[in-house]
Amino acid sequence: MIRIANAQFWVHDQDDALRFYTKMLGWEVRADVTMDAWNFRWLSVGPGGQDDVGLILMPIPGPPMLDPDSSAALAELVAKGAGGTLFLETNDCQASYDELSARGIQFNDPPARQPYGIDTSFRDPSGNNIRLTQVLDFDPNRSS
């Protein structure tokens, strides 16, 4: 069987991202290893109680992986939220919204009922999109 082990976000600053995901979101560090030969830091975080999944906080690459113009373009796209979206699930969207707001997370919108559940969103310090959803039971035979 093939399973998802990690997903990845490009981040502008790994230390800022680490503070956000651990202090504000309340996640745990999975790995924080610097490979001296390449001056590369492998930084992974994840939610407590879900040890088999991690989010890699990958620095936006420069040379030799990307030329300076491409690196700057990627950094700008990430800041605009074009780097992808992480979908988180909670049992109580309003309670999670209240708790995370109290920790300093600024949401884009308050929790709102959608056809699939109750949903809200926020962004990390680099601009990556994060959606927080409380999935509700629904009758697929019922029209909306």
N, C-alpha and C. Protein backbone atom coordinates (compact mmCIF):
# COMPACT_ATOMS: atom_id res chain seq x y z
N MET A 1 0.84 -1.17 0.00
CA MET A 1 0.00 0.00 0.00
C MET A 1 0.89 1.25 0.00
N ILE A 2 0.50 2.23 -0.76
CA ILE A 2 1.18 3.51 -0.80
C ILE A 2 0.33 4.51 -0.04
N ARG A 3 0.97 5.25 0.89
CA ARG A 3 0.25 6.22 1.73
C ARG A 3 0.93 7.58 1.66
N ILE A 4 0.19 8.60 1.95
CA ILE A 4 0.77 9.93 2.04
C ILE A 4 1.50 10.04 3.37
N ALA A 5 2.76 10.43 3.32
CA ALA A 5 3.56 10.59 4.53
C ALA A 5 3.74 12.07 4.86
N ASN A 6 4.01 12.87 3.83
CA ASN A 6 4.28 14.30 4.03
C ASN A 6 3.70 15.10 2.88
N ALA A 7 3.39 16.33 3.16
CA ALA A 7 3.08 17.34 2.15
C ALA A 7 4.10 18.46 2.38
N GLN A 8 4.16 19.43 1.48
CA GLN A 8 5.18 20.45 1.59
C GLN A 8 4.62 21.82 1.26
N PHE A 9 5.04 22.82 2.03
CA PHE A 9 4.78 24.22 1.73
C PHE A 9 6.12 24.91 1.54
N TRP A 10 6.20 25.79 0.54
CA TRP A 10 7.34 26.69 0.43
C TRP A 10 7.17 27.75 1.50
N VAL A 11 8.24 28.10 2.19
CA VAL A 11 8.16 29.15 3.21
C VAL A 11 9.30 30.15 3.00
N HIS A 12 9.02 31.40 3.35
CA HIS A 12 10.02 32.46 3.22
C HIS A 12 11.08 32.38 4.31
N ASP A 13 10.67 31.97 5.51
CA ASP A 13 11.59 31.91 6.64
C ASP A 13 11.20 30.69 7.49
N GLN A 14 12.09 29.72 7.57
CA GLN A 14 11.77 28.49 8.30
C GLN A 14 11.54 28.74 9.79
N ASP A 15 12.29 29.65 10.39
CA ASP A 15 12.09 29.92 11.82
C ASP A 15 10.74 30.57 12.08
N ASP A 16 10.32 31.52 11.23
CA ASP A 16 8.98 32.11 11.37
C ASP A 16 7.91 31.05 11.18
N ALA A 17 8.08 30.21 10.18
CA ALA A 17 7.11 29.15 9.93
C ALA A 17 7.06 28.18 11.11
N LEU A 18 8.21 27.83 11.65
CA LEU A 18 8.25 26.92 12.80
C LEU A 18 7.49 27.51 13.98
N ARG A 19 7.72 28.78 14.27
CA ARG A 19 6.99 29.44 15.37
C ARG A 19 5.49 29.42 15.13
N PHE A 20 5.08 29.72 13.91
CA PHE A 20 3.65 29.74 13.58
C PHE A 20 3.01 28.37 13.79
N TYR A 21 3.62 27.35 13.21
CA TYR A 21 2.99 26.02 13.26
C TYR A 21 3.06 25.39 14.64
N THR A 22 4.10 25.69 15.42
CA THR A 22 4.19 25.08 16.75
C THR A 22 3.55 25.94 17.83
N LYS A 23 3.81 27.23 17.84
CA LYS A 23 3.30 28.10 18.92
C LYS A 23 1.86 28.53 18.67
N MET A 24 1.54 28.88 17.45
CA MET A 24 0.19 29.40 17.18
C MET A 24 -0.79 28.29 16.81
N LEU A 25 -0.36 27.37 15.95
CA LEU A 25 -1.26 26.29 15.55
C LEU A 25 -1.22 25.13 16.54
N GLY A 26 -0.13 25.04 17.32
CA GLY A 26 -0.05 24.02 18.35
C GLY A 26 0.45 22.66 17.87
N TRP A 27 1.13 22.64 16.73
CA TRP A 27 1.64 21.39 16.20
C TRP A 27 2.97 21.01 16.84
N GLU A 28 3.45 19.83 16.51
CA GLU A 28 4.71 19.29 17.03
C GLU A 28 5.77 19.27 15.93
N VAL A 29 7.02 19.35 16.35
CA VAL A 29 8.13 19.19 15.41
C VAL A 29 8.31 17.71 15.14
N ARG A 30 8.33 17.33 13.88
CA ARG A 30 8.57 15.93 13.49
C ARG A 30 10.06 15.71 13.24
N ALA A 31 10.68 16.67 12.57
CA ALA A 31 12.12 16.59 12.28
C ALA A 31 12.64 18.01 12.09
N ASP A 32 13.84 18.24 12.57
CA ASP A 32 14.54 19.51 12.35
C ASP A 32 16.02 19.16 12.25
N VAL A 33 16.45 18.90 11.03
CA VAL A 33 17.78 18.39 10.79
C VAL A 33 18.47 19.25 9.73
N THR A 34 19.69 19.67 10.02
CA THR A 34 20.47 20.41 9.03
C THR A 34 21.50 19.47 8.44
N MET A 35 21.53 19.41 7.13
CA MET A 35 22.50 18.60 6.41
C MET A 35 23.63 19.52 6.00
N ASP A 36 24.71 19.50 6.78
CA ASP A 36 25.81 20.45 6.60
C ASP A 36 26.42 20.41 5.21
N ALA A 37 26.50 19.24 4.63
CA ALA A 37 27.14 19.12 3.32
C ALA A 37 26.45 20.00 2.28
N TRP A 38 25.14 20.18 2.42
CA TRP A 38 24.37 20.97 1.46
C TRP A 38 23.86 22.27 2.07
N ASN A 39 24.13 22.51 3.37
CA ASN A 39 23.57 23.65 4.08
C ASN A 39 22.06 23.70 3.89
N PHE A 40 21.43 22.55 4.12
CA PHE A 40 20.01 22.37 3.88
C PHE A 40 19.33 21.91 5.17
N ARG A 41 18.23 22.55 5.51
CA ARG A 41 17.49 22.22 6.73
C ARG A 41 16.19 21.51 6.36
N TRP A 42 16.03 20.28 6.86
CA TRP A 42 14.81 19.50 6.69
C TRP A 42 13.96 19.74 7.93
N LEU A 43 12.87 20.47 7.76
CA LEU A 43 12.01 20.86 8.88
C LEU A 43 10.60 20.36 8.62
N SER A 44 10.12 19.54 9.53
CA SER A 44 8.80 18.93 9.38
C SER A 44 8.01 19.10 10.68
N VAL A 45 6.73 19.44 10.54
CA VAL A 45 5.82 19.60 11.68
C VAL A 45 4.55 18.82 11.39
N GLY A 46 3.75 18.61 12.44
CA GLY A 46 2.48 17.93 12.24
C GLY A 46 1.62 18.02 13.48
N PRO A 47 0.33 17.75 13.32
CA PRO A 47 -0.58 17.82 14.45
C PRO A 47 -0.36 16.66 15.42
N GLY A 48 -0.46 16.95 16.72
CA GLY A 48 -0.34 15.91 17.73
C GLY A 48 -1.41 14.86 17.53
N GLY A 49 -1.05 13.61 17.75
CA GLY A 49 -1.99 12.51 17.60
C GLY A 49 -2.14 12.01 16.17
N GLN A 50 -1.44 12.64 15.24
CA GLN A 50 -1.48 12.20 13.84
C GLN A 50 -0.03 12.06 13.37
N ASP A 51 0.67 11.11 14.00
CA ASP A 51 2.11 10.98 13.82
C ASP A 51 2.55 10.51 12.44
N ASP A 52 1.62 9.98 11.65
CA ASP A 52 2.01 9.43 10.36
C ASP A 52 1.95 10.44 9.22
N VAL A 53 1.66 11.71 9.53
CA VAL A 53 1.58 12.74 8.49
C VAL A 53 2.36 13.96 8.95
N GLY A 54 3.14 14.53 8.04
CA GLY A 54 3.90 15.73 8.37
C GLY A 54 3.79 16.76 7.27
N LEU A 55 4.06 18.00 7.64
CA LEU A 55 4.13 19.10 6.69
C LEU A 55 5.57 19.58 6.67
N ILE A 56 6.21 19.47 5.52
CA ILE A 56 7.58 19.92 5.34
C ILE A 56 7.55 21.43 5.08
N LEU A 57 8.30 22.17 5.87
CA LEU A 57 8.41 23.62 5.70
C LEU A 57 9.70 23.88 4.93
N MET A 58 9.56 23.92 3.62
CA MET A 58 10.70 23.96 2.71
C MET A 58 11.06 25.39 2.33
N PRO A 59 12.32 25.78 2.53
CA PRO A 59 12.70 27.14 2.15
C PRO A 59 12.61 27.33 0.64
N ILE A 60 12.21 28.52 0.25
CA ILE A 60 12.18 28.83 -1.18
C ILE A 60 13.61 28.76 -1.70
N PRO A 61 13.84 27.93 -2.70
CA PRO A 61 15.21 27.69 -3.13
C PRO A 61 15.80 28.83 -3.96
N GLY A 62 17.10 28.94 -3.84
CA GLY A 62 17.87 29.85 -4.68
C GLY A 62 18.82 29.01 -5.52
N PRO A 63 19.89 29.62 -6.00
CA PRO A 63 20.88 28.85 -6.77
C PRO A 63 21.48 27.72 -5.94
N PRO A 64 21.78 26.60 -6.47
CA PRO A 64 21.74 26.28 -7.90
C PRO A 64 20.38 25.74 -8.35
N MET A 65 19.45 25.51 -7.43
CA MET A 65 18.16 24.95 -7.84
C MET A 65 17.37 25.92 -8.70
N LEU A 66 17.29 27.18 -8.28
CA LEU A 66 16.59 28.21 -9.05
C LEU A 66 17.50 29.42 -9.21
N ASP A 67 17.42 30.05 -10.37
CA ASP A 67 18.14 31.30 -10.56
C ASP A 67 17.46 32.38 -9.73
N PRO A 68 18.14 33.49 -9.45
CA PRO A 68 17.57 34.53 -8.58
C PRO A 68 16.20 35.05 -9.02
N ASP A 69 16.00 35.24 -10.32
CA ASP A 69 14.70 35.74 -10.80
C ASP A 69 13.59 34.72 -10.55
N SER A 70 13.87 33.45 -10.80
CA SER A 70 12.86 32.41 -10.57
C SER A 70 12.56 32.26 -9.08
N SER A 71 13.58 32.35 -8.25
CA SER A 71 13.40 32.28 -6.80
C SER A 71 12.51 33.43 -6.32
N ALA A 72 12.78 34.63 -6.81
CA ALA A 72 11.97 35.80 -6.43
C ALA A 72 10.53 35.65 -6.92
N ALA A 73 10.35 35.11 -8.12
CA ALA A 73 9.01 34.90 -8.66
C ALA A 73 8.24 33.88 -7.81
N LEU A 74 8.91 32.80 -7.41
CA LEU A 74 8.26 31.80 -6.56
C LEU A 74 7.89 32.41 -5.22
N ALA A 75 8.80 33.18 -4.62
CA ALA A 75 8.52 33.83 -3.33
C ALA A 75 7.30 34.74 -3.44
N GLU A 76 7.19 35.47 -4.54
CA GLU A 76 6.05 36.37 -4.74
C GLU A 76 4.75 35.58 -4.90
N LEU A 77 4.78 34.48 -5.63
CA LEU A 77 3.58 33.65 -5.80
C LEU A 77 3.13 33.04 -4.48
N VAL A 78 4.08 32.56 -3.69
CA VAL A 78 3.75 31.99 -2.39
C VAL A 78 3.10 33.06 -1.51
N ALA A 79 3.66 34.26 -1.49
CA ALA A 79 3.12 35.36 -0.68
C ALA A 79 1.69 35.70 -1.07
N LYS A 80 1.36 35.49 -2.34
CA LYS A 80 0.01 35.76 -2.82
C LYS A 80 -0.95 34.60 -2.58
N GLY A 81 -0.45 33.50 -2.00
CA GLY A 81 -1.31 32.35 -1.72
C GLY A 81 -1.41 31.35 -2.84
N ALA A 82 -0.55 31.45 -3.83
CA ALA A 82 -0.61 30.56 -4.99
C ALA A 82 0.20 29.28 -4.81
N GLY A 83 0.68 29.03 -3.59
CA GLY A 83 1.53 27.87 -3.35
C GLY A 83 0.76 26.60 -3.03
N GLY A 84 -0.55 26.67 -2.99
CA GLY A 84 -1.35 25.50 -2.65
C GLY A 84 -2.15 25.75 -1.39
N THR A 85 -2.94 24.77 -1.01
CA THR A 85 -3.80 24.88 0.16
C THR A 85 -3.70 23.61 0.99
N LEU A 86 -3.65 23.79 2.30
CA LEU A 86 -3.69 22.69 3.24
C LEU A 86 -5.09 22.66 3.83
N PHE A 87 -5.74 21.50 3.80
CA PHE A 87 -7.09 21.35 4.33
C PHE A 87 -7.02 20.62 5.66
N LEU A 88 -7.46 21.30 6.72
CA LEU A 88 -7.49 20.72 8.06
C LEU A 88 -8.93 20.43 8.43
N GLU A 89 -9.13 19.40 9.22
CA GLU A 89 -10.47 19.03 9.67
C GLU A 89 -10.53 19.12 11.18
N THR A 90 -11.65 19.62 11.69
CA THR A 90 -11.89 19.74 13.11
C THR A 90 -13.29 19.25 13.44
N ASN A 91 -13.50 18.87 14.69
CA ASN A 91 -14.83 18.43 15.12
C ASN A 91 -15.73 19.62 15.42
N ASP A 92 -15.16 20.79 15.70
CA ASP A 92 -15.93 21.97 16.06
C ASP A 92 -15.23 23.19 15.49
N CYS A 93 -15.68 23.64 14.34
CA CYS A 93 -15.01 24.74 13.65
C CYS A 93 -15.04 26.03 14.47
N GLN A 94 -16.17 26.34 15.08
CA GLN A 94 -16.26 27.58 15.85
C GLN A 94 -15.32 27.56 17.05
N ALA A 95 -15.26 26.43 17.76
CA ALA A 95 -14.37 26.34 18.93
C ALA A 95 -12.91 26.43 18.49
N SER A 96 -12.54 25.78 17.39
CA SER A 96 -11.17 25.86 16.88
C SER A 96 -10.84 27.27 16.42
N TYR A 97 -11.79 27.92 15.78
CA TYR A 97 -11.63 29.31 15.35
C TYR A 97 -11.37 30.21 16.55
N ASP A 98 -12.18 30.04 17.60
CA ASP A 98 -12.01 30.85 18.81
C ASP A 98 -10.66 30.61 19.46
N GLU A 99 -10.26 29.34 19.58
CA GLU A 99 -8.98 29.00 20.21
C GLU A 99 -7.80 29.55 19.42
N LEU A 100 -7.82 29.34 18.11
CA LEU A 100 -6.70 29.79 17.27
C LEU A 100 -6.67 31.32 17.17
N SER A 101 -7.83 31.95 17.17
CA SER A 101 -7.88 33.42 17.17
C SER A 101 -7.24 33.96 18.45
N ALA A 102 -7.52 33.30 19.58
CA ALA A 102 -6.95 33.72 20.87
C ALA A 102 -5.43 33.58 20.87
N ARG A 103 -4.89 32.65 20.06
CA ARG A 103 -3.44 32.47 19.95
C ARG A 103 -2.81 33.46 18.98
N GLY A 104 -3.63 34.25 18.30
CA GLY A 104 -3.10 35.26 17.41
C GLY A 104 -3.25 34.98 15.93
N ILE A 105 -3.86 33.87 15.56
CA ILE A 105 -4.07 33.59 14.14
C ILE A 105 -5.18 34.50 13.62
N GLN A 106 -4.90 35.16 12.51
CA GLN A 106 -5.88 36.05 11.89
C GLN A 106 -6.55 35.31 10.74
N PHE A 107 -7.85 35.13 10.87
CA PHE A 107 -8.62 34.41 9.86
C PHE A 107 -9.06 35.35 8.74
N ASN A 108 -9.25 34.78 7.57
CA ASN A 108 -9.73 35.54 6.42
C ASN A 108 -11.22 35.82 6.52
N ASP A 109 -11.93 34.95 7.22
CA ASP A 109 -13.38 35.06 7.33
C ASP A 109 -13.83 34.24 8.54
N PRO A 110 -15.01 34.55 9.09
CA PRO A 110 -15.51 33.75 10.21
C PRO A 110 -16.02 32.41 9.69
N PRO A 111 -16.17 31.42 10.59
CA PRO A 111 -16.73 30.14 10.16
C PRO A 111 -18.10 30.34 9.50
N ALA A 112 -18.30 29.67 8.38
CA ALA A 112 -19.57 29.79 7.65
C ALA A 112 -20.02 28.42 7.18
N ARG A 113 -21.32 28.22 7.19
CA ARG A 113 -21.89 26.95 6.71
C ARG A 113 -21.77 26.88 5.19
N GLN A 114 -21.26 25.76 4.74
CA GLN A 114 -21.13 25.45 3.32
C GLN A 114 -21.89 24.14 3.06
N PRO A 115 -22.08 23.74 1.81
CA PRO A 115 -22.79 22.49 1.55
C PRO A 115 -22.11 21.25 2.16
N TYR A 116 -20.80 21.31 2.38
CA TYR A 116 -20.04 20.17 2.90
C TYR A 116 -19.78 20.27 4.40
N GLY A 117 -20.03 21.44 5.01
CA GLY A 117 -19.76 21.59 6.43
C GLY A 117 -19.60 23.05 6.81
N ILE A 118 -18.91 23.28 7.92
CA ILE A 118 -18.63 24.62 8.39
C ILE A 118 -17.15 24.89 8.13
N ASP A 119 -16.84 26.04 7.55
CA ASP A 119 -15.52 26.25 6.98
C ASP A 119 -15.03 27.67 7.23
N THR A 120 -13.72 27.82 7.40
CA THR A 120 -13.07 29.12 7.48
C THR A 120 -11.65 28.96 6.93
N SER A 121 -10.89 30.06 6.86
CA SER A 121 -9.55 29.96 6.32
C SER A 121 -8.62 31.00 6.93
N PHE A 122 -7.33 30.71 6.86
CA PHE A 122 -6.29 31.63 7.30
C PHE A 122 -5.05 31.34 6.49
N ARG A 123 -4.01 32.15 6.69
CA ARG A 123 -2.76 31.96 5.95
C ARG A 123 -1.60 31.93 6.93
N ASP A 124 -0.56 31.20 6.55
CA ASP A 124 0.64 31.18 7.39
C ASP A 124 1.48 32.42 7.08
N PRO A 125 2.58 32.65 7.81
CA PRO A 125 3.38 33.87 7.59
C PRO A 125 3.93 34.01 6.17
N SER A 126 4.06 32.91 5.44
CA SER A 126 4.57 32.99 4.07
C SER A 126 3.47 33.27 3.06
N GLY A 127 2.20 33.12 3.47
CA GLY A 127 1.08 33.35 2.57
C GLY A 127 0.34 32.09 2.16
N ASN A 128 0.81 30.92 2.60
CA ASN A 128 0.16 29.66 2.24
C ASN A 128 -1.25 29.60 2.82
N ASN A 129 -2.18 29.11 2.00
CA ASN A 129 -3.58 28.98 2.39
C ASN A 129 -3.82 27.76 3.26
N ILE A 130 -4.62 27.94 4.31
CA ILE A 130 -5.02 26.84 5.17
C ILE A 130 -6.52 26.96 5.38
N ARG A 131 -7.25 25.90 5.10
CA ARG A 131 -8.70 25.86 5.31
C ARG A 131 -8.96 24.96 6.50
N LEU A 132 -9.89 25.38 7.34
CA LEU A 132 -10.28 24.65 8.53
C LEU A 132 -11.76 24.30 8.39
N THR A 133 -12.06 23.01 8.38
CA THR A 133 -13.41 22.56 8.07
C THR A 133 -13.94 21.59 9.10
N GLN A 134 -15.18 21.78 9.46
CA GLN A 134 -15.94 20.81 10.25
C GLN A 134 -16.88 20.13 9.25
N VAL A 135 -16.59 18.90 8.90
CA VAL A 135 -17.40 18.18 7.92
C VAL A 135 -18.70 17.76 8.60
N LEU A 136 -19.80 18.03 7.93
CA LEU A 136 -21.10 17.68 8.47
C LEU A 136 -21.68 16.50 7.69
N ASP A 137 -22.45 15.68 8.37
CA ASP A 137 -23.16 14.61 7.69
C ASP A 137 -24.19 15.23 6.76
N PHE A 138 -24.32 14.67 5.60
CA PHE A 138 -25.32 15.19 4.68
C PHE A 138 -25.95 14.03 3.92
N ASP A 139 -27.13 14.28 3.43
CA ASP A 139 -27.88 13.29 2.64
C ASP A 139 -27.61 13.57 1.18
N PRO A 140 -26.87 12.69 0.49
CA PRO A 140 -26.53 12.96 -0.92
C PRO A 140 -27.77 12.95 -1.82
N ASN A 141 -28.88 12.40 -1.34
CA ASN A 141 -30.11 12.37 -2.13
C ASN A 141 -30.95 13.63 -1.96
N ARG A 142 -30.59 14.47 -0.97
CA ARG A 142 -31.34 15.69 -0.72
C ARG A 142 -30.77 16.80 -1.59
N SER A 143 -31.64 17.52 -2.26
CA SER A 143 -31.14 18.64 -3.07
C SER A 143 -30.97 19.87 -2.16
N SER A 144 -29.98 20.67 -2.49
CA SER A 144 -29.67 21.85 -1.66
C SER A 144 -30.57 23.01 -1.97
